[in-house]
């Protein structure tokens, strides 16, 4: 189990670095009603990547603690919900209910971004 813990820790650290970089690039953006669509697309892509980095952390945690997901059609939602569960003595909750709600909004946005062709972003 010690080796798994080291691998998990290093994986999370790498993803946290990516999350910080993506978040910093988002917080420096200046948006207004006349923001060019090209910039909105870049920002949407970064939001997409931000959620993917969080989800990657959650996948590593689930794999380490053998927290399998049953419904493959809803695994993205299930994974997020599982991270809010306190599974003591296996593991504590990874996120709280506020973070769950915020990440779920980001998850739904990522789905829209991947699926909605020809939609103008705002």
Protein backbone atom coordinates (compact mmCIF):
# COMPACT_ATOMS: atom_id res chain seq x y z
CA UNK A 1 0.00 0.00 0.00
CA UNK A 2 2.94 2.34 0.65
CA UNK A 3 3.89 2.33 -3.06
CA UNK A 4 0.31 3.14 -4.05
CA UNK A 5 0.31 6.07 -1.63
CA UNK A 6 3.50 7.48 -3.15
CA UNK A 7 2.14 7.13 -6.68
CA UNK A 8 -1.15 8.73 -5.65
CA UNK A 9 0.62 11.62 -3.91
CA UNK A 10 2.86 12.38 -6.89
CA UNK A 11 -0.04 12.14 -9.33
CA UNK A 12 -2.11 14.54 -7.24
CA UNK A 13 0.81 16.96 -6.94
CA UNK A 14 1.25 17.00 -10.73
CA UNK A 15 -2.46 17.60 -11.28
CA UNK A 16 -2.51 20.32 -8.61
CA UNK A 17 0.28 22.12 -10.45
CA UNK A 18 -1.74 21.93 -13.68
CA UNK A 19 -4.86 23.15 -11.85
CA UNK A 20 -2.98 26.15 -10.46
CA UNK A 21 -1.62 27.06 -13.89
CA UNK A 22 -5.00 26.74 -15.57
CA UNK A 23 -6.74 28.66 -12.81
CA UNK A 24 -4.16 31.47 -12.99
CA UNK A 25 -4.64 31.76 -16.74
CA UNK A 26 -8.40 32.05 -16.19
CA UNK A 27 -8.23 34.66 -13.46
CA UNK A 28 -6.11 37.01 -15.57
CA UNK A 29 -8.67 37.10 -18.40
CA UNK A 30 -10.59 40.34 -18.81
CA UNK A 31 -14.15 39.66 -19.98
CA UNK A 32 -16.78 42.08 -21.18
CA UNK A 33 -19.91 42.02 -23.35
CA UNK A 34 -17.76 42.48 -26.46
CA UNK A 35 -15.14 39.83 -25.68
CA UNK A 36 -14.09 38.23 -28.98
CA UNK A 37 -15.47 34.76 -29.56
CA UNK A 38 -11.94 33.42 -30.07
CA UNK A 39 -11.03 34.41 -26.50
CA UNK A 40 -14.23 32.84 -25.17
CA UNK A 41 -13.32 29.60 -26.95
CA UNK A 42 -9.85 29.63 -25.39
CA UNK A 43 -11.33 30.27 -21.95
CA UNK A 44 -13.92 27.53 -22.44
CA UNK A 45 -11.12 25.12 -23.39
CA UNK A 46 -9.25 26.05 -20.22
CA UNK A 47 -12.39 25.47 -18.12
CA UNK A 48 -12.72 22.10 -19.84
CA UNK A 49 -9.12 21.30 -18.90
CA UNK A 50 -9.61 22.53 -15.35
CA UNK A 51 -12.42 20.07 -14.70
CA UNK A 52 -10.51 17.28 -16.43
CA UNK A 53 -7.56 17.83 -14.08
CA UNK A 54 -9.85 17.58 -11.05
CA UNK A 55 -11.48 14.48 -12.46
CA UNK A 56 -8.05 12.95 -13.05
CA UNK A 57 -7.24 13.38 -9.35
CA UNK A 58 -10.53 11.76 -8.42
CA UNK A 59 -9.89 8.82 -10.77
CA UNK A 60 -6.49 8.22 -9.16
CA UNK A 61 -8.05 8.32 -5.69
CA UNK A 62 -10.82 5.92 -6.72
CA UNK A 63 -8.32 3.52 -8.29
CA UNK A 64 -6.04 3.60 -5.24
CA UNK A 65 -8.82 2.83 -2.80
CA UNK A 66 -10.63 0.44 -5.17
CA UNK A 67 -13.65 2.67 -5.19
CA UNK A 68 -15.25 1.10 -8.29
CA UNK A 69 -18.11 2.72 -10.17
CA UNK A 70 -21.01 0.50 -11.14
CA UNK A 71 -22.99 2.53 -13.70
CA UNK A 72 -20.64 3.14 -16.62
CA UNK A 73 -23.15 5.46 -18.32
CA UNK A 74 -23.03 7.88 -15.36
CA UNK A 75 -19.48 7.37 -14.16
CA UNK A 76 -18.52 11.06 -14.34
CA UNK A 77 -21.36 12.04 -11.98
CA UNK A 78 -20.83 8.99 -9.78
CA UNK A 79 -17.11 9.70 -9.43
CA UNK A 80 -17.80 13.26 -8.34
CA UNK A 81 -20.47 12.17 -5.85
CA UNK A 82 -18.18 9.49 -4.41
CA UNK A 83 -15.49 12.05 -3.70
CA UNK A 84 -17.91 13.83 -1.37
CA UNK A 85 -18.53 10.67 0.66
CA UNK A 86 -16.68 10.08 3.91
CA UNK A 87 -15.61 6.47 3.58
CA UNK A 88 -13.78 6.19 6.89
CA UNK A 89 -11.79 4.00 7.56
CA UNK A 90 -11.02 3.62 3.83
CA UNK A 91 -10.58 7.33 3.14
CA UNK A 92 -12.08 10.66 4.20
CA UNK A 93 -14.27 12.77 1.95
CA UNK A 94 -12.12 14.48 -0.66
CA UNK A 95 -14.47 17.41 -1.31
CA UNK A 96 -17.26 19.07 0.64
CA UNK A 97 -20.82 19.75 -0.54
CA UNK A 98 -19.97 23.27 -1.78
CA UNK A 99 -17.07 21.98 -3.85
CA UNK A 100 -19.29 19.15 -5.12
CA UNK A 101 -21.87 21.66 -6.35
CA UNK A 102 -19.24 23.91 -7.96
CA UNK A 103 -17.46 21.03 -9.66
CA UNK A 104 -20.77 19.65 -10.90
CA UNK A 105 -21.45 22.96 -12.66
CA UNK A 106 -18.00 22.73 -14.23
CA UNK A 107 -18.63 19.08 -15.20
CA UNK A 108 -21.89 20.03 -16.93
CA UNK A 109 -20.13 22.89 -18.71
CA UNK A 110 -17.45 20.50 -19.94
CA UNK A 111 -20.16 18.22 -21.31
CA UNK A 112 -21.79 21.16 -23.08
CA UNK A 113 -18.44 22.33 -24.44
CA UNK A 114 -17.70 18.88 -25.84
CA UNK A 115 -21.18 18.30 -27.25
CA UNK A 116 -22.72 21.58 -28.37
CA UNK A 117 -21.42 22.34 -31.81
CA UNK A 118 -22.19 25.72 -33.28
CA UNK A 119 -23.31 27.25 -29.97
CA UNK A 120 -22.06 30.75 -29.17
CA UNK A 121 -20.44 30.87 -25.77
CA UNK A 122 -21.24 33.69 -23.35
